[in-house]
Amino acid sequence: MAKKQLIMEKALELFAKQGFEATSVQQITDHCGISKGAFYLSFKSKDELIVALIDHFMRQFTTDIDLVVSEEGDEDLLYNFYYTTFQSFNKHSDFAKLLMKEPTQSFNEELFSKLHHYNKSLEKVILSMIERLYGERSNDLKYDLLFCIKGFMSTYSELFMIYKLPIDMESLVRSLVEKTNLLAKNMTISFISNELIQVIDQPLNEEPSLEKIIEIVEKNIEDIEDSIEKESLLLLRQELSEPTLHPAIVKGLLANIQNHPHCKWTAYLLRGHFVMK
């Protein structure tokens, strides 16, 4: 076995027992039966080792899912998607359980960004599946359905990965296919809007730029009919470019839009912008 692979496998055993933070490089080298010098020839630090493990697991998992979505016919696509998901979790169960248990606060910015990157890649694959299966009727609800599917993947995997319950995979997958189809065909209220997704997709720890906020406001102005909310948005759009209004007036304009279903997130962003300014 190559030394790098040995370190990854043995380190994973310790991480699974103790967590990332509580496991030291010395413990890893002792568990591998190698010197620290040999460890640092393979990895510059423990964090680099963790990144390598995340890369290995998430590449395998994302590739497995992407292959199914790319090559399966529509008839069995959703079934095979869920089946492959849980099979992949089982295949890499030690690391999957570790990621589920490990608090994200213990990850540094690089590790958290790495997980975020793979999460967005997985979301892209799931969205392509949703669009294939449900066509135009999914346009306004696809992001809500995306989050429902991700919730199913995470929550139901806990049954056999954390609680170690004996699971009939066939029944589990068929039940999730039924639930997903029911949601896709019967949902009528969209919560996760295109504007919210645009903000979520921004780099981590980065506040939306003024240009991005203006873009979101202008999209709202286009999308809603003449109303007090639209008039308020027009005034707020002007205020973003040429601030002249008293803070009390701005507060009142925000109150006008904050309960409109398409403007709630815009109101949140504007509130943050005007407070920080």
C-alpha atoms as a PDB file:
ATOM      1  CA  MET A   1       0.000   0.000   0.000  1.00  0.00           C
ATOM      2  CA  ALA A   2       1.317   3.450  -0.900  1.00  0.00           C
ATOM      3  CA  LYS A   3       2.335   5.528   2.111  1.00  0.00           C
ATOM      4  CA  LYS A   4      -0.088   8.334   1.267  1.00  0.00           C
ATOM      5  CA  GLN A   5      -3.012   5.909   1.056  1.00  0.00           C
ATOM      6  CA  LEU A   6      -1.933   4.258   4.330  1.00  0.00           C
ATOM      7  CA  ILE A   7      -1.903   7.612   6.112  1.00  0.00           C
ATOM      8  CA  MET A   8      -5.362   8.489   4.772  1.00  0.00           C
ATOM      9  CA  GLU A   9      -6.878   5.162   5.804  1.00  0.00           C
ATOM     10  CA  LYS A  10      -5.323   5.090   9.271  1.00  0.00           C
ATOM     11  CA  ALA A  11      -6.083   8.760   9.898  1.00  0.00           C
ATOM     12  CA  LEU A  12      -9.707   8.161   8.955  1.00  0.00           C
ATOM     13  CA  GLU A  13      -9.929   5.459  11.621  1.00  0.00           C
ATOM     14  CA  LEU A  14      -8.749   7.938  14.253  1.00  0.00           C
ATOM     15  CA  PHE A  15     -10.903  10.793  12.953  1.00  0.00           C
ATOM     16  CA  ALA A  16     -13.954   8.525  13.100  1.00  0.00           C
ATOM     17  CA  LYS A  17     -13.268   7.775  16.793  1.00  0.00           C
ATOM     18  CA  GLN A  18     -12.026  11.161  17.988  1.00  0.00           C
ATOM     19  CA  GLY A  19     -13.024  13.810  15.439  1.00  0.00           C
ATOM     20  CA  PHE A  20     -10.752  16.032  13.393  1.00  0.00           C
ATOM     21  CA  GLU A  21      -9.749  18.504  16.089  1.00  0.00           C
ATOM     22  CA  ALA A  22      -8.930  15.972  18.809  1.00  0.00           C
ATOM     23  CA  THR A  23      -6.633  13.926  16.568  1.00  0.00           C
ATOM     24  CA  SER A  24      -2.995  15.036  16.381  1.00  0.00           C
ATOM     25  CA  VAL A  25      -0.352  14.367  13.733  1.00  0.00           C
ATOM     26  CA  GLN A  26       1.610  12.435  16.381  1.00  0.00           C
ATOM     27  CA  GLN A  27      -1.349  10.121  16.965  1.00  0.00           C
ATOM     28  CA  ILE A  28      -1.710   9.585  13.222  1.00  0.00           C
ATOM     29  CA  THR A  29       1.974   8.719  12.754  1.00  0.00           C
ATOM     30  CA  ASP A  30       1.904   6.375  15.754  1.00  0.00           C
ATOM     31  CA  HIS A  31      -1.192   4.649  14.343  1.00  0.00           C
ATOM     32  CA  CYS A  32       0.527   4.292  10.960  1.00  0.00           C
ATOM     33  CA  GLY A  33       3.859   3.173  12.413  1.00  0.00           C
ATOM     34  CA  ILE A  34       5.757   5.908  10.588  1.00  0.00           C
ATOM     35  CA  SER A  35       7.796   8.966  11.554  1.00  0.00           C
ATOM     36  CA  LYS A  36       6.538  12.540  11.461  1.00  0.00           C
ATOM     37  CA  GLY A  37       9.044  13.170   8.694  1.00  0.00           C
ATOM     38  CA  ALA A  38       7.379  10.495   6.572  1.00  0.00           C
ATOM     39  CA  PHE A  39       3.989  12.099   7.252  1.00  0.00           C
ATOM     40  CA  TYR A  40       5.173  15.541   6.157  1.00  0.00           C
ATOM     41  CA  LEU A  41       6.615  14.108   2.953  1.00  0.00           C
ATOM     42  CA  SER A  42       3.031  13.174   2.023  1.00  0.00           C
ATOM     43  CA  PHE A  43       1.054  16.015   3.618  1.00  0.00           C
ATOM     44  CA  LYS A  44       2.164  19.482   4.680  1.00  0.00           C
ATOM     45  CA  SER A  45      -0.291  19.537   7.592  1.00  0.00           C
ATOM     46  CA  LYS A  46      -3.254  17.788   9.176  1.00  0.00           C
ATOM     47  CA  ASP A  47      -5.566  20.195   7.374  1.00  0.00           C
ATOM     48  CA  GLU A  48      -4.078  19.172   4.021  1.00  0.00           C
ATOM     49  CA  LEU A  49      -4.739  15.556   4.950  1.00  0.00           C
ATOM     50  CA  ILE A  50      -8.367  16.364   5.792  1.00  0.00           C
ATOM     51  CA  VAL A  51      -8.742  18.207   2.472  1.00  0.00           C
ATOM     52  CA  ALA A  52      -7.404  15.115   0.697  1.00  0.00           C
ATOM     53  CA  LEU A  53      -9.972  12.936   2.486  1.00  0.00           C
ATOM     54  CA  ILE A  54     -12.791  15.349   1.641  1.00  0.00           C
ATOM     55  CA  ASP A  55     -11.641  15.409  -1.993  1.00  0.00           C
ATOM     56  CA  HIS A  56     -11.537  11.620  -2.146  1.00  0.00           C
ATOM     57  CA  PHE A  57     -14.979  11.103  -0.637  1.00  0.00           C
ATOM     58  CA  MET A  58     -16.805  13.964  -2.338  1.00  0.00           C
ATOM     59  CA  ARG A  59     -15.305  13.254  -5.774  1.00  0.00           C
ATOM     60  CA  GLN A  60     -16.395   9.623  -5.532  1.00  0.00           C
ATOM     61  CA  PHE A  61     -19.848  10.544  -4.268  1.00  0.00           C
ATOM     62  CA  THR A  62     -20.478  13.349  -6.762  1.00  0.00           C
ATOM     63  CA  THR A  63     -19.143  11.278  -9.655  1.00  0.00           C
ATOM     64  CA  ASP A  64     -21.397   8.340  -8.750  1.00  0.00           C
ATOM     65  CA  ILE A  65     -24.465  10.600  -8.704  1.00  0.00           C
ATOM     66  CA  ASP A  66     -23.511  12.506 -11.849  1.00  0.00           C
ATOM     67  CA  LEU A  67     -23.005   9.246 -13.764  1.00  0.00           C
ATOM     68  CA  VAL A  68     -26.521   8.094 -12.890  1.00  0.00           C
ATOM     69  CA  VAL A  69     -28.125  11.405 -13.817  1.00  0.00           C
ATOM     70  CA  SER A  70     -26.165  11.623 -17.077  1.00  0.00           C
ATOM     71  CA  GLU A  71     -26.745   8.075 -18.324  1.00  0.00           C
ATOM     72  CA  GLU A  72     -30.054   6.814 -16.895  1.00  0.00           C
ATOM     73  CA  GLY A  73     -33.316   7.070 -18.795  1.00  0.00           C
ATOM     74  CA  ASP A  74     -36.046   9.224 -17.262  1.00  0.00           C
ATOM     75  CA  GLU A  75     -38.242   6.293 -16.215  1.00  0.00           C
ATOM     76  CA  ASP A  76     -35.878   4.927 -13.550  1.00  0.00           C
ATOM     77  CA  LEU A  77     -33.814   8.042 -13.003  1.00  0.00           C
ATOM     78  CA  LEU A  78     -35.181   9.091  -9.606  1.00  0.00           C
ATOM     79  CA  TYR A  79     -35.096   5.534  -8.242  1.00  0.00           C
ATOM     80  CA  ASN A  80     -31.493   4.994  -9.344  1.00  0.00           C
ATOM     81  CA  PHE A  81     -30.514   8.439  -8.063  1.00  0.00           C
ATOM     82  CA  TYR A  82     -31.654   7.632  -4.515  1.00  0.00           C
ATOM     83  CA  TYR A  83     -30.349   4.073  -4.664  1.00  0.00           C
ATOM     84  CA  THR A  84     -26.901   5.225  -5.809  1.00  0.00           C
ATOM     85  CA  THR A  85     -26.888   7.943  -3.142  1.00  0.00           C
ATOM     86  CA  PHE A  86     -27.384   5.532  -0.263  1.00  0.00           C
ATOM     87  CA  GLN A  87     -25.114   2.883  -1.773  1.00  0.00           C
ATOM     88  CA  SER A  88     -22.379   5.490  -2.029  1.00  0.00           C
ATOM     89  CA  PHE A  89     -22.941   6.549   1.580  1.00  0.00           C
ATOM     90  CA  ASN A  90     -22.532   2.901   2.587  1.00  0.00           C
ATOM     91  CA  LYS A  91     -19.448   2.475   0.443  1.00  0.00           C
ATOM     92  CA  HIS A  92     -17.755   5.420   2.158  1.00  0.00           C
ATOM     93  CA  SER A  93     -19.613   5.108   5.448  1.00  0.00           C
ATOM     94  CA  ASP A  94     -16.719   5.948   7.798  1.00  0.00           C
ATOM     95  CA  PHE A  95     -16.067   9.325   6.236  1.00  0.00           C
ATOM     96  CA  ALA A  96     -19.752  10.044   5.571  1.00  0.00           C
ATOM     97  CA  LYS A  97     -20.548   9.471   9.254  1.00  0.00           C
ATOM     98  CA  LEU A  98     -17.628  11.669  10.248  1.00  0.00           C
ATOM     99  CA  LEU A  99     -18.872  14.560   8.106  1.00  0.00           C
ATOM    100  CA  MET A 100     -22.372  14.169   9.531  1.00  0.00           C
ATOM    101  CA  LYS A 101     -21.132  14.218  13.133  1.00  0.00           C
ATOM    102  CA  GLU A 102     -18.266  16.715  12.890  1.00  0.00           C
ATOM    103  CA  PRO A 103     -19.376  20.269  13.761  1.00  0.00           C
ATOM    104  CA  THR A 104     -18.633  22.669  10.928  1.00  0.00           C
ATOM    105  CA  GLN A 105     -17.186  25.117  13.469  1.00  0.00           C
ATOM    106  CA  SER A 106     -14.141  22.843  13.681  1.00  0.00           C
ATOM    107  CA  PHE A 107     -13.355  23.392   9.977  1.00  0.00           C
ATOM    108  CA  ASN A 108     -11.102  26.223   8.941  1.00  0.00           C
ATOM    109  CA  GLU A 109     -12.097  28.473   6.049  1.00  0.00           C
ATOM    110  CA  GLU A 110     -10.330  26.357   3.420  1.00  0.00           C
ATOM    111  CA  LEU A 111     -12.028  23.136   4.555  1.00  0.00           C
ATOM    112  CA  PHE A 112     -15.428  24.788   4.792  1.00  0.00           C
ATOM    113  CA  SER A 113     -15.001  26.282   1.310  1.00  0.00           C
ATOM    114  CA  LYS A 114     -14.048  22.855  -0.034  1.00  0.00           C
ATOM    115  CA  LEU A 115     -17.267  21.322   1.310  1.00  0.00           C
ATOM    116  CA  HIS A 116     -19.235  24.275  -0.043  1.00  0.00           C
ATOM    117  CA  HIS A 117     -17.729  23.742  -3.504  1.00  0.00           C
ATOM    118  CA  TYR A 118     -18.727  20.077  -3.607  1.00  0.00           C
ATOM    119  CA  ASN A 119     -22.167  20.890  -2.232  1.00  0.00           C
ATOM    120  CA  LYS A 120     -22.750  23.311  -5.103  1.00  0.00           C
ATOM    121  CA  SER A 121     -21.535  20.690  -7.609  1.00  0.00           C
ATOM    122  CA  LEU A 122     -24.017  18.184  -6.191  1.00  0.00           C
ATOM    123  CA  GLU A 123     -26.825  20.744  -6.312  1.00  0.00           C
ATOM    124  CA  LYS A 124     -26.082  21.361  -9.996  1.00  0.00           C
ATOM    125  CA  VAL A 125     -26.469  17.645 -10.729  1.00  0.00           C
ATOM    126  CA  ILE A 126     -29.742  17.416  -8.779  1.00  0.00           C
ATOM    127  CA  LEU A 127     -31.151  20.498 -10.521  1.00  0.00           C
ATOM    128  CA  SER A 128     -30.419  18.985 -13.924  1.00  0.00           C
ATOM    129  CA  MET A 129     -32.313  15.864 -12.823  1.00  0.00           C
ATOM    130  CA  ILE A 130     -35.289  17.936 -11.629  1.00  0.00           C
ATOM    131  CA  GLU A 131     -35.464  19.832 -14.913  1.00  0.00           C
ATOM    132  CA  ARG A 132     -35.336  16.597 -16.905  1.00  0.00           C
ATOM    133  CA  LEU A 133     -38.011  14.859 -14.865  1.00  0.00           C
ATOM    134  CA  TYR A 134     -40.497  17.665 -14.309  1.00  0.00           C
ATOM    135  CA  GLY A 135     -39.879  20.070 -17.184  1.00  0.00           C
ATOM    136  CA  GLU A 136     -41.368  23.557 -17.227  1.00  0.00           C
ATOM    137  CA  ARG A 137     -43.680  22.963 -14.290  1.00  0.00           C
ATOM    138  CA  SER A 138     -40.601  22.829 -12.042  1.00  0.00           C
ATOM    139  CA  ASN A 139     -39.314  26.291 -13.059  1.00  0.00           C
ATOM    140  CA  ASP A 140     -40.751  28.213 -10.101  1.00  0.00           C
ATOM    141  CA  LEU A 141     -40.339  25.412  -7.559  1.00  0.00           C
ATOM    142  CA  LYS A 142     -37.116  23.675  -8.548  1.00  0.00           C
ATOM    143  CA  TYR A 143     -35.001  25.197  -5.791  1.00  0.00           C
ATOM    144  CA  ASP A 144     -37.532  24.225  -3.123  1.00  0.00           C
ATOM    145  CA  LEU A 145     -37.574  20.697  -4.546  1.00  0.00           C
ATOM    146  CA  LEU A 146     -33.765  20.665  -4.584  1.00  0.00           C
ATOM    147  CA  PHE A 147     -33.660  21.407  -0.854  1.00  0.00           C
ATOM    148  CA  CYS A 148     -36.349  18.779  -0.170  1.00  0.00           C
ATOM    149  CA  ILE A 149     -34.321  16.128  -2.019  1.00  0.00           C
ATOM    150  CA  LYS A 150     -31.144  17.101  -0.167  1.00  0.00           C
ATOM    151  CA  GLY A 151     -33.113  16.879   3.076  1.00  0.00           C
ATOM    152  CA  PHE A 152     -34.283  13.372   2.199  1.00  0.00           C
ATOM    153  CA  MET A 153     -30.709  12.332   1.386  1.00  0.00           C
ATOM    154  CA  SER A 154     -29.330  13.637   4.668  1.00  0.00           C
ATOM    155  CA  THR A 155     -32.134  12.713   7.058  1.00  0.00           C
ATOM    156  CA  TYR A 156     -32.829   9.187   5.840  1.00  0.00           C
ATOM    157  CA  SER A 157     -29.135   8.298   5.675  1.00  0.00           C
ATOM    158  CA  GLU A 158     -29.003   8.870   9.453  1.00  0.00           C
ATOM    159  CA  LEU A 159     -31.211   5.811   9.968  1.00  0.00           C
ATOM    160  CA  PHE A 160     -28.491   3.376   8.986  1.00  0.00           C
ATOM    161  CA  MET A 161     -25.348   5.468   9.340  1.00  0.00           C
ATOM    162  CA  ILE A 162     -25.866   6.914  12.818  1.00  0.00           C
ATOM    163  CA  TYR A 163     -28.617   4.810  14.357  1.00  0.00           C
ATOM    164  CA  LYS A 164     -27.439   1.641  12.545  1.00  0.00           C
ATOM    165  CA  LEU A 165     -30.970   0.402  11.926  1.00  0.00           C
ATOM    166  CA  PRO A 166     -31.547  -2.511   9.538  1.00  0.00           C
ATOM    167  CA  ILE A 167     -32.944  -0.849   6.430  1.00  0.00           C
ATOM    168  CA  ASP A 168     -34.778  -2.370   3.478  1.00  0.00           C
ATOM    169  CA  MET A 169     -33.092  -0.291   0.769  1.00  0.00           C
ATOM    170  CA  GLU A 170     -35.706  -1.164  -1.824  1.00  0.00           C
ATOM    171  CA  SER A 171     -38.566   0.119   0.339  1.00  0.00           C
ATOM    172  CA  LEU A 172     -36.656   3.209   1.385  1.00  0.00           C
ATOM    173  CA  VAL A 173     -35.836   4.229  -2.171  1.00  0.00           C
ATOM    174  CA  ARG A 174     -39.362   3.582  -3.472  1.00  0.00           C
ATOM    175  CA  SER A 175     -40.853   5.622  -0.632  1.00  0.00           C
ATOM    176  CA  LEU A 176     -38.553   8.557  -1.438  1.00  0.00           C
ATOM    177  CA  VAL A 177     -39.387   8.363  -5.136  1.00  0.00           C
ATOM    178  CA  GLU A 178     -43.089   8.561  -4.218  1.00  0.00           C
ATOM    179  CA  LYS A 179     -42.562  11.478  -1.824  1.00  0.00           C
ATOM    180  CA  THR A 180     -40.458  13.415  -4.340  1.00  0.00           C
ATOM    181  CA  ASN A 181     -43.007  12.931  -7.133  1.00  0.00           C
ATOM    182  CA  LEU A 182     -45.851  14.021  -4.853  1.00  0.00           C
ATOM    183  CA  LEU A 183     -43.978  17.167  -3.900  1.00  0.00           C
ATOM    184  CA  ALA A 184     -43.032  17.974  -7.486  1.00  0.00           C
ATOM    185  CA  LYS A 185     -46.591  17.536  -8.742  1.00  0.00           C
ATOM    186  CA  ASN A 186     -48.478  19.195  -5.879  1.00  0.00           C
ATOM    187  CA  MET A 187     -46.341  22.025  -4.526  1.00  0.00           C
ATOM    188  CA  THR A 188     -47.823  25.437  -5.316  1.00  0.00           C
ATOM    189  CA  ILE A 189     -45.956  27.865  -3.053  1.00  0.00           C
ATOM    190  CA  SER A 190     -42.356  28.771  -3.844  1.00  0.00           C
ATOM    191  CA  PHE A 191     -40.150  29.891  -0.965  1.00  0.00           C
ATOM    192  CA  ILE A 192     -36.606  29.703  -2.381  1.00  0.00           C
ATOM    193  CA  SER A 193     -36.530  32.313  -5.127  1.00  0.00           C
ATOM    194  CA  ASN A 194     -33.972  32.980  -7.866  1.00  0.00           C
ATOM    195  CA  GLU A 195     -32.790  36.056  -5.974  1.00  0.00           C
ATOM    196  CA  LEU A 196     -32.188  34.048  -2.812  1.00  0.00           C
ATOM    197  CA  ILE A 197     -30.213  31.451  -4.766  1.00  0.00           C
ATOM    198  CA  GLN A 198     -28.064  34.206  -6.271  1.00  0.00           C
ATOM    199  CA  VAL A 199     -27.141  35.380  -2.790  1.00  0.00           C
ATOM    200  CA  ILE A 200     -26.518  31.833  -1.542  1.00  0.00           C
ATOM    201  CA  ASP A 201     -24.237  31.198  -4.518  1.00  0.00           C
ATOM    202  CA  GLN A 202     -21.941  34.068  -3.610  1.00  0.00           C
ATOM    203  CA  PRO A 203     -18.506  33.244  -2.182  1.00  0.00           C
ATOM    204  CA  LEU A 204     -18.608  32.319   1.496  1.00  0.00           C
ATOM    205  CA  ASN A 205     -18.282  35.090   4.065  1.00  0.00           C
ATOM    206  CA  GLU A 206     -18.740  37.737   1.384  1.00  0.00           C
ATOM    207  CA  GLU A 207     -21.543  40.276   1.695  1.00  0.00           C
ATOM    208  CA  PRO A 208     -23.545  40.999  -1.485  1.00  0.00           C
ATOM    209  CA  SER A 209     -22.035  43.916  -3.364  1.00  0.00           C
ATOM    210  CA  LEU A 210     -24.003  47.100  -3.994  1.00  0.00           C
ATOM    211  CA  GLU A 211     -24.172  46.140  -7.679  1.00  0.00           C
ATOM    212  CA  LYS A 212     -25.674  42.739  -6.791  1.00  0.00           C
ATOM    213  CA  ILE A 213     -28.267  44.333  -4.488  1.00  0.00           C
ATOM    214  CA  ILE A 214     -29.240  46.824  -7.223  1.00  0.00           C
ATOM    215  CA  GLU A 215     -29.588  43.930  -9.687  1.00  0.00           C
ATOM    216  CA  ILE A 216     -31.908  42.077  -7.295  1.00  0.00           C
ATOM    217  CA  VAL A 217     -34.006  45.195  -6.648  1.00  0.00           C
ATOM    218  CA  GLU A 218     -34.358  45.891 -10.376  1.00  0.00           C
ATOM    219  CA  LYS A 219     -35.465  42.294 -10.970  1.00  0.00           C
ATOM    220  CA  ASN A 220     -38.149  42.740  -8.288  1.00  0.00           C
ATOM    221  CA  ILE A 221     -39.320  45.949  -9.942  1.00  0.00           C
ATOM    222  CA  GLU A 222     -39.736  44.089 -13.233  1.00  0.00           C
ATOM    223  CA  ASP A 223     -41.526  41.128 -11.694  1.00  0.00           C
ATOM    224  CA  ILE A 224     -44.247  42.783  -9.598  1.00  0.00           C
ATOM    225  CA  GLU A 225     -47.243  44.762 -10.778  1.00  0.00           C
ATOM    226  CA  ASP A 226     -47.943  48.395  -9.952  1.00  0.00           C
ATOM    227  CA  SER A 227     -48.476  48.675  -6.227  1.00  0.00           C
ATOM    228  CA  ILE A 228     -47.178  50.408  -3.137  1.00  0.00           C
ATOM    229  CA  GLU A 229     -44.448  47.745  -3.026  1.00  0.00           C
ATOM    230  CA  LYS A 230     -43.301  48.609  -6.538  1.00  0.00           C
ATOM    231  CA  GLU A 231     -43.318  52.338  -5.787  1.00  0.00           C
ATOM    232  CA  SER A 232     -41.321  51.668  -2.640  1.00  0.00           C
ATOM    233  CA  LEU A 233     -38.806  49.581  -4.577  1.00  0.00           C
ATOM    234  CA  LEU A 234     -38.359  52.374  -7.117  1.00  0.00           C
ATOM    235  CA  LEU A 235     -37.580  54.854  -4.340  1.00  0.00           C
ATOM    236  CA  LEU A 236     -35.217  52.405  -2.626  1.00  0.00           C
ATOM    237  CA  ARG A 237     -33.459  51.772  -5.938  1.00  0.00           C
ATOM    238  CA  GLN A 238     -32.903  55.525  -6.265  1.00  0.00           C
ATOM    239  CA  GLU A 239     -31.668  55.696  -2.676  1.00  0.00           C
ATOM    240  CA  LEU A 240     -29.029  53.039  -3.417  1.00  0.00           C
ATOM    241  CA  SER A 241     -27.522  55.258  -6.154  1.00  0.00           C
ATOM    242  CA  GLU A 242     -28.144  58.709  -4.685  1.00  0.00           C
ATOM    243  CA  PRO A 243     -28.785  58.666  -0.924  1.00  0.00           C
ATOM    244  CA  THR A 244     -31.033  61.616   0.006  1.00  0.00           C
ATOM    245  CA  LEU A 245     -33.844  60.195   2.160  1.00  0.00           C
ATOM    246  CA  HIS A 246     -34.145  60.446   5.933  1.00  0.00           C
ATOM    247  CA  PRO A 247     -33.521  57.074   7.665  1.00  0.00           C
ATOM    248  CA  ALA A 248     -37.123  57.079   8.948  1.00  0.00           C
ATOM    249  CA  ILE A 249     -38.422  57.260   5.358  1.00  0.00           C
ATOM    250  CA  VAL A 250     -36.123  54.417   4.292  1.00  0.00           C
ATOM    251  CA  LYS A 251     -37.381  52.373   7.238  1.00  0.00           C
ATOM    252  CA  GLY A 252     -40.961  53.007   6.138  1.00  0.00           C
ATOM    253  CA  LEU A 253     -40.217  51.973   2.559  1.00  0.00           C
ATOM    254  CA  LEU A 254     -38.637  48.748   3.804  1.00  0.00           C
ATOM    255  CA  ALA A 255     -41.727  48.075   5.903  1.00  0.00           C
ATOM    256  CA  ASN A 256     -43.823  48.436   2.743  1.00  0.00           C
ATOM    257  CA  ILE A 257     -42.007  45.606   0.958  1.00  0.00           C
ATOM    258  CA  GLN A 258     -40.958  43.223   3.706  1.00  0.00           C
ATOM    259  CA  ASN A 259     -44.155  41.151   3.667  1.00  0.00           C
ATOM    260  CA  HIS A 260     -44.438  40.820  -0.114  1.00  0.00           C
ATOM    261  CA  PRO A 261     -43.602  37.175  -1.022  1.00  0.00           C
ATOM    262  CA  HIS A 262     -41.140  38.223  -3.748  1.00  0.00           C
ATOM    263  CA  CYS A 263     -39.498  40.998  -1.763  1.00  0.00           C
ATOM    264  CA  LYS A 264     -38.727  39.490   1.645  1.00  0.00           C
ATOM    265  CA  TRP A 265     -35.127  38.670   0.808  1.00  0.00           C
ATOM    266  CA  THR A 266     -34.660  42.000  -0.943  1.00  0.00           C
ATOM    267  CA  ALA A 267     -35.900  43.771   2.190  1.00  0.00           C
ATOM    268  CA  TYR A 268     -33.408  41.776   4.263  1.00  0.00           C
ATOM    269  CA  LEU A 269     -30.500  42.734   1.994  1.00  0.00           C
ATOM    270  CA  LEU A 270     -31.531  46.398   1.874  1.00  0.00           C
ATOM    271  CA  ARG A 271     -31.941  46.530   5.631  1.00  0.00           C
ATOM    272  CA  GLY A 272     -28.421  45.222   6.054  1.00  0.00           C
ATOM    273  CA  HIS A 273     -27.021  47.620   3.467  1.00  0.00           C
ATOM    274  CA  PHE A 274     -28.588  50.750   4.924  1.00  0.00           C
ATOM    275  CA  VAL A 275     -27.619  49.791   8.483  1.00  0.00           C
ATOM    276  CA  MET A 276     -23.978  49.132   7.498  1.00  0.00           C
ATOM    277  CA  LYS A 277     -23.655  52.270   5.387  1.00  0.00           C
END
